[in-house]
Every structure is written in structure tokens, then in C-alpha cells.
Amino acid sequence: MDDRWNEFEDALESGDSDRVNEVVDAIKEMDLDERVRLFEVCFDELTDLYAENDDGYVRQSTVRVTEQLTPGISLIFAVADDDRSMTADIEDVRGQTDEVAGFMLEAMTDEDGRVRNSAKRGLKDVFRTYDSLEDEETIEALAIELEEMATEYSDKRREHLLEAKSDAEFFLQSGFGRLVEGFQKEFGDELEFDG
């Protein structure tokens, strides 16, 4: 797995979009256990690469790769079903999700809008994972944190932070509330009800 990460790291540092997309696709195609192991090998190095790089595209690439490593719903179901092929347990899932959440929060304040937009997408995966873990408390805490962070900015960062907060609040709604809001976002004023 270390050799695979070295190849991925070279591609991320290159800033070449084709190579970065190949990394993202390769991670998407990995089975769940491979992703868990890759996370353990590379997460700290990903965050270091993000922190040390002046190139916005490279930072965005690290966020995109981290998003692919977010444990996600499928991993929760595999662990909950006691899938014997899995080396992870619920605490591993929670720990990895916590680490991804912290990184995505940091990336939400990046000066580059591409990075923030990728982080916002990554946070949606984080919220879904916490929702699957039935951890509303953490989602609420993240919504509060995002709102507090937004007060520190008056530029596009503020807007992106508040959008991410809204995404968190979406996951705090009941299932029916989500359905209604999802329809409203998708169809907007096109929905007309005969009365």
C-alpha cells in the first residue's frame, strides 16, 4: 500500500489534472478495506502535502483524494453487518471520519475557491457518514463550528462556510423534511400543486 501511495503522491504533486483524476478514479475503484488501509497509510501525508503547497490545484487535489477516503455509508453497512473481510470496526470509521472532518473544516477557509468547493463536497460525505452513524450531536457541532468560522470572513469564504452549514442542517432534518427540501432544490418553482 505504501508503494501505491507513493505513486498517488507523485501524481498529486505534479498538478497534472489527468494524473490526479486517475488517482481519484483508482481510489473509487478500491474495495472498502483497501480504502481503510490506504487512509491509515496516507492521511497524515495528504494533510502535510496540503499544508506545504502553494499551488491551489495541488491543495484541491489533496481535498478530492481525502473525500474519496471518507469512510462513507457503504463502509458503515459492511462493518455493521460484521463483514469478516473488513479489518475496520465502527470506532475506526468514526475516527477516520473525525479526521476527515477536521481537515475539511481547515480547507473550507482556503483562499482558493476551488479548494473550498471541493471541501464543501467532502463535508457532505462527512455529514452522510455521521448521519449513518446516527450521530446528530457531531453534525450539530459541525454546523455551529461552520457558523462561527463564517463570522471571521466577509468574502466568498463566508458564503461557502454558510453553505456548508446549511448542508449540515439538512442532515439534521427528519427524513420527510429532507425529501421536501430535496424536491424544492431540484424542481424549485416548477412544482405546482392543484388546489
N, C-alpha and C. Protein backbone atom coordinates (compact mmCIF):
# COMPACT_ATOMS: atom_id res chain seq x y z
N MET A 1 0.83 -1.20 0.00
CA MET A 1 0.00 0.00 0.00
C MET A 1 0.87 1.26 0.00
N ASP A 2 2.04 1.18 0.66
CA ASP A 2 2.94 2.33 0.68
C ASP A 2 3.41 2.69 -0.73
N ASP A 3 3.72 1.68 -1.56
CA ASP A 3 4.15 1.94 -2.93
C ASP A 3 3.04 2.61 -3.73
N ARG A 4 1.83 2.15 -3.51
CA ARG A 4 0.68 2.74 -4.21
C ARG A 4 0.54 4.21 -3.81
N TRP A 5 0.68 4.48 -2.51
CA TRP A 5 0.58 5.87 -2.06
C TRP A 5 1.67 6.73 -2.69
N ASN A 6 2.89 6.19 -2.81
CA ASN A 6 3.99 6.96 -3.41
C ASN A 6 3.64 7.37 -4.85
N GLU A 7 3.01 6.45 -5.59
CA GLU A 7 2.58 6.77 -6.95
C GLU A 7 1.52 7.87 -6.93
N PHE A 8 0.57 7.73 -6.01
CA PHE A 8 -0.50 8.73 -5.90
C PHE A 8 0.07 10.09 -5.53
N GLU A 9 1.00 10.10 -4.59
CA GLU A 9 1.59 11.36 -4.14
C GLU A 9 2.31 12.07 -5.29
N ASP A 10 3.05 11.30 -6.08
CA ASP A 10 3.73 11.89 -7.25
C ASP A 10 2.72 12.53 -8.20
N ALA A 11 1.60 11.85 -8.42
CA ALA A 11 0.58 12.39 -9.32
C ALA A 11 -0.03 13.67 -8.75
N LEU A 12 -0.30 13.69 -7.45
CA LEU A 12 -0.88 14.88 -6.83
C LEU A 12 0.07 16.06 -6.91
N GLU A 13 1.34 15.81 -6.64
CA GLU A 13 2.33 16.89 -6.66
C GLU A 13 2.58 17.42 -8.07
N SER A 14 2.28 16.60 -9.08
CA SER A 14 2.53 17.02 -10.46
C SER A 14 1.62 18.17 -10.88
N GLY A 15 0.44 18.24 -10.29
CA GLY A 15 -0.51 19.26 -10.70
C GLY A 15 -1.15 18.97 -12.05
N ASP A 16 -0.92 17.78 -12.58
CA ASP A 16 -1.48 17.37 -13.87
C ASP A 16 -2.88 16.80 -13.64
N SER A 17 -3.89 17.44 -14.23
CA SER A 17 -5.27 17.05 -13.95
C SER A 17 -5.58 15.61 -14.36
N ASP A 18 -5.01 15.14 -15.47
CA ASP A 18 -5.26 13.76 -15.90
C ASP A 18 -4.72 12.77 -14.87
N ARG A 19 -3.52 13.03 -14.39
CA ARG A 19 -2.92 12.12 -13.40
C ARG A 19 -3.71 12.16 -12.09
N VAL A 20 -4.15 13.35 -11.68
CA VAL A 20 -4.93 13.48 -10.45
C VAL A 20 -6.26 12.73 -10.60
N ASN A 21 -6.92 12.90 -11.73
CA ASN A 21 -8.19 12.20 -11.96
C ASN A 21 -8.00 10.69 -11.94
N GLU A 22 -6.87 10.21 -12.44
CA GLU A 22 -6.58 8.77 -12.39
C GLU A 22 -6.47 8.30 -10.94
N VAL A 23 -5.86 9.10 -10.08
CA VAL A 23 -5.76 8.76 -8.66
C VAL A 23 -7.15 8.69 -8.04
N VAL A 24 -7.96 9.71 -8.29
CA VAL A 24 -9.32 9.73 -7.74
C VAL A 24 -10.09 8.51 -8.21
N ASP A 25 -10.00 8.19 -9.50
CA ASP A 25 -10.71 7.03 -10.05
C ASP A 25 -10.19 5.73 -9.45
N ALA A 26 -8.88 5.62 -9.28
CA ALA A 26 -8.30 4.40 -8.70
C ALA A 26 -8.81 4.18 -7.28
N ILE A 27 -8.93 5.24 -6.51
CA ILE A 27 -9.43 5.11 -5.14
C ILE A 27 -10.91 4.74 -5.15
N LYS A 28 -11.68 5.34 -6.06
CA LYS A 28 -13.10 4.99 -6.17
C LYS A 28 -13.28 3.50 -6.43
N GLU A 29 -12.38 2.92 -7.21
CA GLU A 29 -12.50 1.52 -7.60
C GLU A 29 -11.98 0.55 -6.54
N MET A 30 -11.31 1.05 -5.52
CA MET A 30 -10.79 0.17 -4.46
C MET A 30 -11.94 -0.41 -3.65
N ASP A 31 -11.71 -1.61 -3.12
CA ASP A 31 -12.72 -2.13 -2.21
C ASP A 31 -12.60 -1.39 -0.88
N LEU A 32 -13.60 -1.55 -0.05
CA LEU A 32 -13.68 -0.77 1.19
C LEU A 32 -12.48 -0.98 2.10
N ASP A 33 -12.05 -2.22 2.23
CA ASP A 33 -10.93 -2.50 3.13
C ASP A 33 -9.64 -1.86 2.62
N GLU A 34 -9.46 -1.86 1.30
CA GLU A 34 -8.28 -1.20 0.72
C GLU A 34 -8.27 0.29 1.04
N ARG A 35 -9.45 0.91 0.96
CA ARG A 35 -9.54 2.34 1.26
C ARG A 35 -9.21 2.63 2.72
N VAL A 36 -9.69 1.76 3.61
CA VAL A 36 -9.39 1.94 5.03
C VAL A 36 -7.88 1.87 5.25
N ARG A 37 -7.24 0.88 4.63
CA ARG A 37 -5.79 0.73 4.80
C ARG A 37 -5.03 1.89 4.17
N LEU A 38 -5.49 2.35 2.99
CA LEU A 38 -4.83 3.48 2.33
C LEU A 38 -4.95 4.73 3.21
N PHE A 39 -6.11 4.93 3.81
CA PHE A 39 -6.31 6.07 4.71
C PHE A 39 -5.25 6.05 5.80
N GLU A 40 -5.06 4.89 6.41
CA GLU A 40 -4.09 4.76 7.50
C GLU A 40 -2.67 5.09 7.04
N VAL A 41 -2.36 4.75 5.80
CA VAL A 41 -1.02 4.99 5.26
C VAL A 41 -0.83 6.45 4.88
N CYS A 42 -1.86 7.08 4.30
CA CYS A 42 -1.60 8.35 3.63
C CYS A 42 -2.26 9.59 4.21
N PHE A 43 -3.17 9.46 5.16
CA PHE A 43 -3.91 10.66 5.58
C PHE A 43 -2.98 11.75 6.10
N ASP A 44 -2.06 11.42 6.97
CA ASP A 44 -1.15 12.44 7.51
C ASP A 44 -0.31 13.07 6.39
N GLU A 45 0.11 12.24 5.45
CA GLU A 45 0.90 12.77 4.34
C GLU A 45 0.06 13.67 3.43
N LEU A 46 -1.22 13.32 3.26
CA LEU A 46 -2.11 14.18 2.47
C LEU A 46 -2.25 15.55 3.12
N THR A 47 -2.47 15.57 4.43
CA THR A 47 -2.64 16.85 5.11
C THR A 47 -1.34 17.65 5.10
N ASP A 48 -0.20 16.96 5.18
CA ASP A 48 1.09 17.66 5.08
C ASP A 48 1.26 18.27 3.69
N LEU A 49 0.93 17.49 2.67
CA LEU A 49 1.05 17.97 1.29
C LEU A 49 0.16 19.21 1.09
N TYR A 50 -1.02 19.17 1.65
CA TYR A 50 -1.93 20.32 1.58
C TYR A 50 -1.29 21.54 2.24
N ALA A 51 -0.80 21.37 3.45
CA ALA A 51 -0.26 22.49 4.24
C ALA A 51 1.00 23.09 3.63
N GLU A 52 1.79 22.27 2.96
CA GLU A 52 3.08 22.72 2.46
C GLU A 52 3.02 23.27 1.03
N ASN A 53 1.85 23.21 0.38
CA ASN A 53 1.82 23.54 -1.04
C ASN A 53 1.19 24.89 -1.32
N ASP A 54 1.85 25.67 -2.17
CA ASP A 54 1.34 26.99 -2.57
C ASP A 54 0.40 26.90 -3.78
N ASP A 55 0.44 25.77 -4.47
CA ASP A 55 -0.36 25.59 -5.68
C ASP A 55 -1.79 25.20 -5.29
N GLY A 56 -2.76 26.06 -5.62
CA GLY A 56 -4.16 25.81 -5.27
C GLY A 56 -4.68 24.51 -5.86
N TYR A 57 -4.24 24.17 -7.08
CA TYR A 57 -4.72 22.93 -7.68
C TYR A 57 -4.22 21.71 -6.92
N VAL A 58 -2.99 21.74 -6.45
CA VAL A 58 -2.46 20.62 -5.66
C VAL A 58 -3.24 20.51 -4.35
N ARG A 59 -3.53 21.65 -3.72
CA ARG A 59 -4.32 21.61 -2.48
C ARG A 59 -5.71 21.05 -2.75
N GLN A 60 -6.32 21.49 -3.85
CA GLN A 60 -7.64 20.96 -4.20
C GLN A 60 -7.56 19.45 -4.43
N SER A 61 -6.51 19.00 -5.07
CA SER A 61 -6.34 17.58 -5.34
C SER A 61 -6.26 16.77 -4.06
N THR A 62 -5.56 17.31 -3.06
CA THR A 62 -5.48 16.58 -1.78
C THR A 62 -6.85 16.50 -1.13
N VAL A 63 -7.65 17.55 -1.28
CA VAL A 63 -9.01 17.53 -0.72
C VAL A 63 -9.86 16.50 -1.47
N ARG A 64 -9.75 16.46 -2.78
CA ARG A 64 -10.52 15.49 -3.57
C ARG A 64 -10.16 14.05 -3.20
N VAL A 65 -8.88 13.79 -3.02
CA VAL A 65 -8.46 12.44 -2.64
C VAL A 65 -8.96 12.11 -1.24
N THR A 66 -8.86 13.06 -0.33
CA THR A 66 -9.36 12.83 1.02
C THR A 66 -10.85 12.54 1.00
N GLU A 67 -11.59 13.25 0.15
CA GLU A 67 -13.03 12.98 0.04
C GLU A 67 -13.28 11.53 -0.35
N GLN A 68 -12.47 11.00 -1.27
CA GLN A 68 -12.64 9.61 -1.68
C GLN A 68 -12.32 8.63 -0.56
N LEU A 69 -11.50 9.07 0.38
CA LEU A 69 -11.13 8.20 1.50
C LEU A 69 -12.11 8.29 2.68
N THR A 70 -13.08 9.21 2.61
CA THR A 70 -14.08 9.32 3.68
C THR A 70 -14.76 7.96 3.81
N PRO A 71 -14.84 7.42 5.04
CA PRO A 71 -15.37 6.07 5.21
C PRO A 71 -16.71 5.84 4.51
N GLY A 72 -17.68 6.68 4.71
CA GLY A 72 -18.93 6.59 3.97
C GLY A 72 -19.89 5.52 4.45
N ILE A 73 -21.07 5.60 3.86
CA ILE A 73 -22.19 4.75 4.26
C ILE A 73 -21.91 3.28 3.99
N SER A 74 -21.34 2.97 2.83
CA SER A 74 -21.12 1.56 2.48
C SER A 74 -20.19 0.89 3.49
N LEU A 75 -19.20 1.61 3.98
CA LEU A 75 -18.30 1.03 4.98
C LEU A 75 -19.04 0.80 6.29
N ILE A 76 -19.90 1.72 6.65
CA ILE A 76 -20.67 1.55 7.89
C ILE A 76 -21.53 0.31 7.80
N PHE A 77 -22.20 0.11 6.65
CA PHE A 77 -23.04 -1.08 6.50
C PHE A 77 -22.19 -2.36 6.53
N ALA A 78 -21.04 -2.34 5.89
CA ALA A 78 -20.18 -3.52 5.89
C ALA A 78 -19.72 -3.86 7.30
N VAL A 79 -19.34 -2.84 8.06
CA VAL A 79 -18.88 -3.05 9.44
C VAL A 79 -20.05 -3.50 10.31
N ALA A 80 -21.20 -2.85 10.14
CA ALA A 80 -22.38 -3.19 10.95
C ALA A 80 -22.86 -4.60 10.66
N ASP A 81 -22.70 -5.06 9.41
CA ASP A 81 -23.09 -6.42 9.05
C ASP A 81 -22.04 -7.44 9.44
N ASP A 82 -21.01 -6.97 10.13
CA ASP A 82 -19.93 -7.83 10.60
C ASP A 82 -19.26 -8.58 9.45
N ASP A 83 -19.01 -7.85 8.37
CA ASP A 83 -18.33 -8.38 7.20
C ASP A 83 -16.93 -8.84 7.63
N ARG A 84 -16.69 -10.12 7.54
CA ARG A 84 -15.43 -10.71 8.02
C ARG A 84 -14.22 -10.26 7.20
N SER A 85 -14.46 -9.77 5.98
CA SER A 85 -13.33 -9.34 5.16
C SER A 85 -12.83 -7.96 5.59
N MET A 86 -13.59 -7.28 6.44
CA MET A 86 -13.23 -5.93 6.86
C MET A 86 -12.31 -5.97 8.08
N THR A 87 -11.28 -5.15 8.03
CA THR A 87 -10.39 -5.04 9.20
C THR A 87 -10.82 -3.89 10.10
N ALA A 88 -11.74 -3.06 9.62
CA ALA A 88 -12.18 -1.88 10.38
C ALA A 88 -13.40 -2.21 11.24
N ASP A 89 -13.59 -1.42 12.29
CA ASP A 89 -14.80 -1.51 13.08
C ASP A 89 -15.42 -0.11 13.16
N ILE A 90 -16.53 0.02 13.86
CA ILE A 90 -17.24 1.31 13.92
C ILE A 90 -16.34 2.40 14.48
N GLU A 91 -15.52 2.09 15.46
CA GLU A 91 -14.63 3.11 16.03
C GLU A 91 -13.59 3.57 15.01
N ASP A 92 -13.13 2.66 14.17
CA ASP A 92 -12.21 3.06 13.09
C ASP A 92 -12.92 4.02 12.13
N VAL A 93 -14.16 3.68 11.78
CA VAL A 93 -14.94 4.53 10.88
C VAL A 93 -15.11 5.91 11.50
N ARG A 94 -15.49 5.95 12.77
CA ARG A 94 -15.71 7.22 13.45
C ARG A 94 -14.39 8.02 13.52
N GLY A 95 -13.31 7.36 13.86
CA GLY A 95 -12.02 8.04 13.96
C GLY A 95 -11.58 8.63 12.63
N GLN A 96 -11.72 7.85 11.56
CA GLN A 96 -11.34 8.36 10.24
C GLN A 96 -12.25 9.51 9.82
N THR A 97 -13.53 9.38 10.11
CA THR A 97 -14.47 10.45 9.75
C THR A 97 -14.15 11.72 10.52
N ASP A 98 -13.80 11.58 11.79
CA ASP A 98 -13.41 12.76 12.59
C ASP A 98 -12.19 13.45 11.98
N GLU A 99 -11.21 12.65 11.55
CA GLU A 99 -10.01 13.23 10.96
C GLU A 99 -10.32 13.95 9.65
N VAL A 100 -11.15 13.32 8.82
CA VAL A 100 -11.54 13.94 7.55
C VAL A 100 -12.30 15.24 7.82
N ALA A 101 -13.21 15.22 8.80
CA ALA A 101 -13.99 16.41 9.13
C ALA A 101 -13.08 17.57 9.51
N GLY A 102 -12.10 17.31 10.35
CA GLY A 102 -11.17 18.37 10.76
C GLY A 102 -10.40 18.94 9.58
N PHE A 103 -9.96 18.07 8.69
CA PHE A 103 -9.23 18.52 7.51
C PHE A 103 -10.13 19.34 6.59
N MET A 104 -11.36 18.88 6.38
CA MET A 104 -12.29 19.60 5.51
C MET A 104 -12.62 20.98 6.09
N LEU A 105 -12.75 21.06 7.41
CA LEU A 105 -13.00 22.37 8.02
C LEU A 105 -11.86 23.33 7.73
N GLU A 106 -10.63 22.83 7.84
CA GLU A 106 -9.47 23.67 7.53
C GLU A 106 -9.51 24.12 6.07
N ALA A 107 -9.81 23.19 5.18
CA ALA A 107 -9.83 23.51 3.75
C ALA A 107 -10.96 24.48 3.39
N MET A 108 -11.99 24.55 4.22
CA MET A 108 -13.10 25.48 3.97
C MET A 108 -12.66 26.93 4.08
N THR A 109 -11.51 27.18 4.68
CA THR A 109 -11.03 28.57 4.80
C THR A 109 -9.89 28.87 3.83
N ASP A 110 -9.62 27.93 2.93
CA ASP A 110 -8.55 28.13 1.95
C ASP A 110 -8.86 29.36 1.09
N GLU A 111 -7.82 30.06 0.68
CA GLU A 111 -8.01 31.26 -0.14
C GLU A 111 -8.49 30.94 -1.54
N ASP A 112 -8.32 29.69 -1.98
CA ASP A 112 -8.69 29.28 -3.33
C ASP A 112 -10.11 28.69 -3.31
N GLY A 113 -10.99 29.27 -4.11
CA GLY A 113 -12.38 28.83 -4.16
C GLY A 113 -12.53 27.39 -4.62
N ARG A 114 -11.64 26.91 -5.50
CA ARG A 114 -11.71 25.51 -5.95
C ARG A 114 -11.52 24.56 -4.78
N VAL A 115 -10.61 24.93 -3.90
CA VAL A 115 -10.34 24.10 -2.72
C VAL A 115 -11.57 24.08 -1.82
N ARG A 116 -12.13 25.26 -1.59
CA ARG A 116 -13.31 25.35 -0.71
C ARG A 116 -14.49 24.55 -1.28
N ASN A 117 -14.71 24.64 -2.57
CA ASN A 117 -15.82 23.89 -3.18
C ASN A 117 -15.61 22.39 -3.05
N SER A 118 -14.38 21.94 -3.22
CA SER A 118 -14.09 20.51 -3.02
C SER A 118 -14.30 20.12 -1.57
N ALA A 119 -13.89 20.98 -0.65
CA ALA A 119 -14.07 20.70 0.77
C ALA A 119 -15.55 20.66 1.14
N LYS A 120 -16.33 21.53 0.52
CA LYS A 120 -17.77 21.54 0.78
C LYS A 120 -18.40 20.21 0.35
N ARG A 121 -17.99 19.70 -0.81
CA ARG A 121 -18.47 18.38 -1.25
C ARG A 121 -18.00 17.29 -0.30
N GLY A 122 -16.76 17.40 0.14
CA GLY A 122 -16.23 16.42 1.08
C GLY A 122 -16.98 16.43 2.40
N LEU A 123 -17.37 17.61 2.85
CA LEU A 123 -18.13 17.70 4.10
C LEU A 123 -19.50 17.04 3.97
N LYS A 124 -20.10 17.09 2.79
CA LYS A 124 -21.38 16.39 2.61
C LYS A 124 -21.20 14.89 2.87
N ASP A 125 -20.09 14.32 2.39
CA ASP A 125 -19.82 12.90 2.67
C ASP A 125 -19.61 12.67 4.16
N VAL A 126 -18.95 13.60 4.81
CA VAL A 126 -18.74 13.51 6.25
C VAL A 126 -20.10 13.54 6.97
N PHE A 127 -20.97 14.47 6.58
CA PHE A 127 -22.29 14.56 7.21
C PHE A 127 -23.09 13.28 6.98
N ARG A 128 -23.04 12.73 5.77
CA ARG A 128 -23.74 11.47 5.47
C ARG A 128 -23.23 10.34 6.36
N THR A 129 -21.92 10.31 6.54
CA THR A 129 -21.34 9.26 7.37
C THR A 129 -21.80 9.39 8.81
N TYR A 130 -21.73 10.60 9.37
CA TYR A 130 -22.21 10.80 10.74
C TYR A 130 -23.70 10.50 10.83
N ASP A 131 -24.46 10.86 9.81
CA ASP A 131 -25.90 10.57 9.80
C ASP A 131 -26.12 9.06 9.85
N SER A 132 -25.34 8.31 9.09
CA SER A 132 -25.46 6.84 9.09
C SER A 132 -25.07 6.26 10.45
N LEU A 133 -24.17 6.94 11.13
CA LEU A 133 -23.77 6.52 12.48
C LEU A 133 -24.78 7.00 13.54
N GLU A 134 -25.82 7.70 13.07
CA GLU A 134 -26.84 8.29 13.95
C GLU A 134 -26.21 9.23 14.97
N ASP A 135 -25.26 10.02 14.51
CA ASP A 135 -24.52 10.94 15.36
C ASP A 135 -24.92 12.38 15.06
N GLU A 136 -26.13 12.73 15.44
CA GLU A 136 -26.63 14.09 15.21
C GLU A 136 -25.82 15.12 16.00
N GLU A 137 -25.33 14.73 17.15
CA GLU A 137 -24.58 15.66 18.01
C GLU A 137 -23.35 16.22 17.28
N THR A 138 -22.64 15.36 16.59
CA THR A 138 -21.45 15.82 15.86
C THR A 138 -21.84 16.70 14.68
N ILE A 139 -22.92 16.34 13.98
CA ILE A 139 -23.37 17.17 12.86
C ILE A 139 -23.76 18.55 13.38
N GLU A 140 -24.48 18.60 14.51
CA GLU A 140 -24.85 19.89 15.11
C GLU A 140 -23.61 20.70 15.48
N ALA A 141 -22.63 20.03 16.07
CA ALA A 141 -21.39 20.72 16.46
C ALA A 141 -20.67 21.27 15.23
N LEU A 142 -20.66 20.52 14.14
CA LEU A 142 -20.02 21.00 12.91
C LEU A 142 -20.77 22.19 12.33
N ALA A 143 -22.10 22.16 12.39
CA ALA A 143 -22.89 23.30 11.90
C ALA A 143 -22.57 24.56 12.70
N ILE A 144 -22.47 24.41 14.01
CA ILE A 144 -22.13 25.55 14.87
C ILE A 144 -20.73 26.05 14.55
N GLU A 145 -19.79 25.12 14.40
CA GLU A 145 -18.40 25.49 14.08
C GLU A 145 -18.33 26.25 12.75
N LEU A 146 -19.05 25.76 11.75
CA LEU A 146 -19.05 26.42 10.44
C LEU A 146 -19.63 27.83 10.54
N GLU A 147 -20.68 27.99 11.33
CA GLU A 147 -21.27 29.32 11.51
C GLU A 147 -20.29 30.26 12.21
N GLU A 148 -19.61 29.75 13.23
CA GLU A 148 -18.62 30.57 13.94
C GLU A 148 -17.46 30.95 13.02
N MET A 149 -17.02 30.00 12.22
CA MET A 149 -15.94 30.27 11.28
C MET A 149 -16.36 31.34 10.27
N ALA A 150 -17.61 31.31 9.85
CA ALA A 150 -18.10 32.26 8.85
C ALA A 150 -18.04 33.70 9.35
N THR A 151 -18.15 33.89 10.66
CA THR A 151 -18.11 35.25 11.21
C THR A 151 -16.74 35.90 11.04
N GLU A 152 -15.72 35.10 10.78
CA GLU A 152 -14.37 35.62 10.64
C GLU A 152 -14.06 36.13 9.24
N TYR A 153 -15.00 35.95 8.30
CA TYR A 153 -14.75 36.32 6.91
C TYR A 153 -15.89 37.17 6.37
N SER A 154 -15.57 38.00 5.38
CA SER A 154 -16.60 38.79 4.72
C SER A 154 -16.56 38.57 3.20
N ASP A 155 -15.70 37.66 2.75
CA ASP A 155 -15.58 37.39 1.32
C ASP A 155 -16.31 36.09 0.97
N LYS A 156 -15.94 35.49 -0.14
CA LYS A 156 -16.57 34.24 -0.60
C LYS A 156 -16.42 33.11 0.41
N ARG A 157 -15.38 33.18 1.23
CA ARG A 157 -15.21 32.14 2.25
C ARG A 157 -16.42 32.10 3.16
N ARG A 158 -16.91 33.27 3.54
CA ARG A 158 -18.10 33.33 4.40
C ARG A 158 -19.28 32.62 3.72
N GLU A 159 -19.49 32.94 2.46
CA GLU A 159 -20.58 32.32 1.71
C GLU A 159 -20.44 30.80 1.68
N HIS A 160 -19.24 30.31 1.39
CA HIS A 160 -19.01 28.87 1.31
C HIS A 160 -19.18 28.20 2.67
N LEU A 161 -18.72 28.85 3.73
CA LEU A 161 -18.89 28.30 5.07
C LEU A 161 -20.36 28.21 5.45
N LEU A 162 -21.13 29.23 5.10
CA LEU A 162 -22.57 29.20 5.42
C LEU A 162 -23.31 28.18 4.56
N GLU A 163 -22.87 27.97 3.34
CA GLU A 163 -23.46 26.92 2.50
C GLU A 163 -23.18 25.54 3.11
N ALA A 164 -21.98 25.33 3.60
CA ALA A 164 -21.64 24.06 4.25
C ALA A 164 -22.46 23.88 5.52
N LYS A 165 -22.67 24.96 6.26
CA LYS A 165 -23.51 24.91 7.46
C LYS A 165 -24.93 24.48 7.08
N SER A 166 -25.45 25.04 6.00
CA SER A 166 -26.78 24.67 5.52
C SER A 166 -26.84 23.19 5.15
N ASP A 167 -25.76 22.69 4.54
CA ASP A 167 -25.70 21.25 4.22
C ASP A 167 -25.76 20.41 5.49
N ALA A 168 -25.06 20.84 6.53
CA ALA A 168 -25.09 20.11 7.81
C ALA A 168 -26.50 20.12 8.38
N GLU A 169 -27.15 21.27 8.33
CA GLU A 169 -28.51 21.38 8.87
C GLU A 169 -29.49 20.49 8.11
N PHE A 170 -29.25 20.29 6.82
CA PHE A 170 -30.08 19.41 6.02
C PHE A 170 -30.10 18.00 6.63
N PHE A 171 -28.95 17.54 7.09
CA PHE A 171 -28.86 16.19 7.65
C PHE A 171 -29.47 16.10 9.05
N LEU A 172 -29.80 17.23 9.64
CA LEU A 172 -30.44 17.23 10.95
C LEU A 172 -31.96 17.19 10.83
N GLN A 173 -32.48 17.32 9.62
CA GLN A 173 -33.93 17.27 9.41
C GLN A 173 -34.42 15.83 9.46
N SER A 174 -35.72 15.69 9.63
CA SER A 174 -36.33 14.36 9.54
C SER A 174 -36.22 13.87 8.10
N GLY A 175 -36.44 12.59 7.90
CA GLY A 175 -36.40 12.04 6.55
C GLY A 175 -37.38 12.73 5.62
N PHE A 176 -38.59 13.03 6.11
CA PHE A 176 -39.59 13.70 5.29
C PHE A 176 -39.15 15.12 4.96
N GLY A 177 -38.59 15.82 5.95
CA GLY A 177 -38.10 17.18 5.72
C GLY A 177 -37.02 17.21 4.65
N ARG A 178 -36.16 16.21 4.66
CA ARG A 178 -35.10 16.12 3.64
C ARG A 178 -35.70 15.91 2.26
N LEU A 179 -36.72 15.05 2.21
CA LEU A 179 -37.37 14.76 0.94
C LEU A 179 -37.99 16.02 0.34
N VAL A 180 -38.72 16.77 1.17
CA VAL A 180 -39.35 18.00 0.71
C VAL A 180 -38.29 19.00 0.25
N GLU A 181 -37.26 19.21 1.07
CA GLU A 181 -36.22 20.17 0.69
C GLU A 181 -35.49 19.73 -0.57
N GLY A 182 -35.25 18.44 -0.69
CA GLY A 182 -34.60 17.92 -1.90
C GLY A 182 -35.41 18.21 -3.14
N PHE A 183 -36.73 18.00 -3.06
CA PHE A 183 -37.60 18.32 -4.19
C PHE A 183 -37.59 19.81 -4.49
N GLN A 184 -37.62 20.63 -3.44
CA GLN A 184 -37.61 22.07 -3.66
C GLN A 184 -36.32 22.52 -4.34
N LYS A 185 -35.20 21.96 -3.91
CA LYS A 185 -33.93 22.34 -4.54
C LYS A 185 -33.87 21.86 -5.99
N GLU A 186 -34.40 20.66 -6.23
CA GLU A 186 -34.33 20.08 -7.56
C GLU A 186 -35.28 20.76 -8.55
N PHE A 187 -36.52 21.00 -8.09
CA PHE A 187 -37.54 21.47 -9.02
C PHE A 187 -37.97 22.92 -8.79
N GLY A 188 -37.67 23.46 -7.62
CA GLY A 188 -37.97 24.87 -7.32
C GLY A 188 -39.40 25.24 -7.61
N ASP A 189 -39.56 26.32 -8.36
CA ASP A 189 -40.89 26.84 -8.67
C ASP A 189 -41.62 26.02 -9.73
N GLU A 190 -40.96 25.03 -10.29
CA GLU A 190 -41.62 24.21 -11.32
C GLU A 190 -42.73 23.36 -10.73
N LEU A 191 -42.67 23.13 -9.41
CA LEU A 191 -43.70 22.33 -8.76
C LEU A 191 -44.93 23.19 -8.52
N GLU A 192 -46.02 22.79 -9.10
CA GLU A 192 -47.28 23.49 -8.87
C GLU A 192 -48.28 22.47 -8.39
N PHE A 193 -48.96 22.83 -7.34
CA PHE A 193 -49.95 21.92 -6.77
C PHE A 193 -51.33 22.45 -7.09
N ASP A 194 -52.18 21.57 -7.62
CA ASP A 194 -53.57 21.96 -7.89
C ASP A 194 -54.32 21.99 -6.58
N GLY A 195 -55.06 23.07 -6.35
CA GLY A 195 -55.71 23.19 -5.07
C GLY A 195 -57.15 23.15 -5.08
